[in-house]
Amino acid sequence: MILAMDWIGLKVEVVESPNKSEIGITGEVVDETLNTLKIKTEKSLKTVAKEKRTFRVWWGNKVMLIRGNLIRYRPEDRIKKGLIALKRAKGVKI
């Protein structure tokens, strides 16, 4: 379900990236676009591409690894697609 929700406010860490200087960036997601996450760290605001990255995400009492390619949608489109998938899984017709 985390793939279909808004990520603003979640704590994330970049754990894999083709740009080695991004690995280890940790903080709170403060904005999200189709292709990027803006992460507020202790020192600054970092913009990190979603594509070809893997993020460690803290959600409630769970910690997950999420590939950025899976969330490479506009947030509102990803939420809509997730709700449609959830309704289909529960047998609700749209």
Protein backbone atom coordinates (compact mmCIF):
# COMPACT_ATOMS: atom_id res chain seq x y z
CA MET A 1 0.00 0.00 0.00
CA ILE A 2 2.95 2.34 0.57
CA LEU A 3 3.49 2.46 -3.20
CA ALA A 4 0.06 4.06 -3.61
CA MET A 5 0.29 6.71 -0.91
CA ASP A 6 1.66 10.21 -0.57
CA TRP A 7 5.28 10.09 0.61
CA ILE A 8 5.42 13.63 2.03
CA GLY A 9 6.34 13.37 5.71
CA LEU A 10 7.96 9.93 5.46
CA LYS A 11 11.52 9.34 6.60
CA VAL A 12 13.66 7.94 3.77
CA GLU A 13 17.27 7.03 3.12
CA VAL A 14 18.92 6.55 -0.27
CA VAL A 15 20.57 3.10 -0.14
CA GLU A 16 21.35 2.51 -3.84
CA SER A 17 22.08 5.10 -6.52
CA PRO A 18 24.23 5.41 -9.64
CA ASN A 19 25.38 8.70 -8.05
CA LYS A 20 27.50 7.50 -5.12
CA SER A 21 27.27 10.90 -3.40
CA GLU A 22 23.51 10.34 -2.90
CA ILE A 23 23.93 7.11 -0.95
CA GLY A 24 23.22 7.75 2.71
CA ILE A 25 21.08 10.85 2.20
CA THR A 26 18.53 10.55 4.99
CA GLY A 27 15.67 12.79 6.00
CA GLU A 28 12.02 13.65 5.60
CA VAL A 29 10.31 13.88 2.23
CA VAL A 30 9.00 17.45 1.94
CA ASP A 31 7.99 17.46 -1.75
CA GLU A 32 7.57 15.00 -4.58
CA THR A 33 7.30 15.26 -8.35
CA LEU A 34 7.01 12.74 -11.17
CA ASN A 35 10.76 12.11 -11.17
CA THR A 36 12.14 13.35 -7.85
CA LEU A 37 11.87 13.39 -4.08
CA LYS A 38 12.91 16.47 -2.11
CA ILE A 39 14.44 15.30 1.14
CA LYS A 40 15.05 17.62 4.08
CA THR A 41 18.22 16.45 5.82
CA GLU A 42 19.68 17.82 9.04
CA LYS A 43 21.77 20.29 7.02
CA SER A 44 19.96 21.05 3.76
CA LEU A 45 17.33 20.21 1.18
CA LYS A 46 18.35 17.54 -1.35
CA THR A 47 16.59 16.68 -4.60
CA VAL A 48 17.03 13.03 -5.52
CA ALA A 49 15.82 11.33 -8.70
CA LYS A 50 13.54 8.32 -8.20
CA GLU A 51 14.73 6.35 -11.21
CA LYS A 52 17.52 3.82 -10.60
CA ARG A 53 17.52 4.48 -6.84
CA THR A 54 16.48 2.32 -3.91
CA PHE A 55 15.07 3.95 -0.79
CA ARG A 56 14.81 2.69 2.76
CA VAL A 57 11.43 3.95 3.97
CA TRP A 58 10.15 4.13 7.53
CA TRP A 59 6.36 3.75 7.59
CA GLY A 60 4.76 3.36 10.98
CA ASN A 61 6.65 0.61 12.76
CA LYS A 62 7.90 -0.91 9.47
CA VAL A 63 11.08 -0.33 7.50
CA MET A 64 11.01 -1.25 3.81
CA LEU A 65 13.26 -1.07 0.77
CA ILE A 66 11.45 0.44 -2.23
CA ARG A 67 12.83 0.77 -5.74
CA GLY A 68 12.36 4.29 -7.05
CA ASN A 69 11.14 3.03 -10.43
CA LEU A 70 8.02 1.69 -8.67
CA ILE A 71 7.05 5.17 -7.46
CA ARG A 72 7.99 7.04 -10.64
CA TYR A 73 4.59 8.63 -11.11
CA ARG A 74 3.13 11.94 -10.11
CA PRO A 75 1.98 11.45 -6.51
CA GLU A 76 -1.69 12.01 -7.37
CA ASP A 77 -1.53 9.47 -10.24
CA ARG A 78 0.22 6.88 -8.06
CA ILE A 79 -2.42 7.27 -5.35
CA LYS A 80 -5.23 6.93 -7.91
CA LYS A 81 -3.65 3.81 -9.47
CA GLY A 82 -3.18 2.29 -6.04
CA LEU A 83 -6.81 2.84 -5.08
CA ILE A 84 -7.97 1.28 -8.34
CA ALA A 85 -5.74 -1.76 -7.75
CA LEU A 86 -7.00 -2.09 -4.18
CA LYS A 87 -10.64 -1.95 -5.28
CA ARG A 88 -9.99 -4.59 -7.95
CA ALA A 89 -8.27 -6.83 -5.43
CA LYS A 90 -11.30 -6.59 -3.16
CA GLY A 91 -13.67 -7.35 -6.04
CA VAL A 92 -15.19 -3.87 -6.28
CA LYS A 93 -16.11 -2.86 -9.81
CA ILE A 94 -15.14 0.59 -11.00
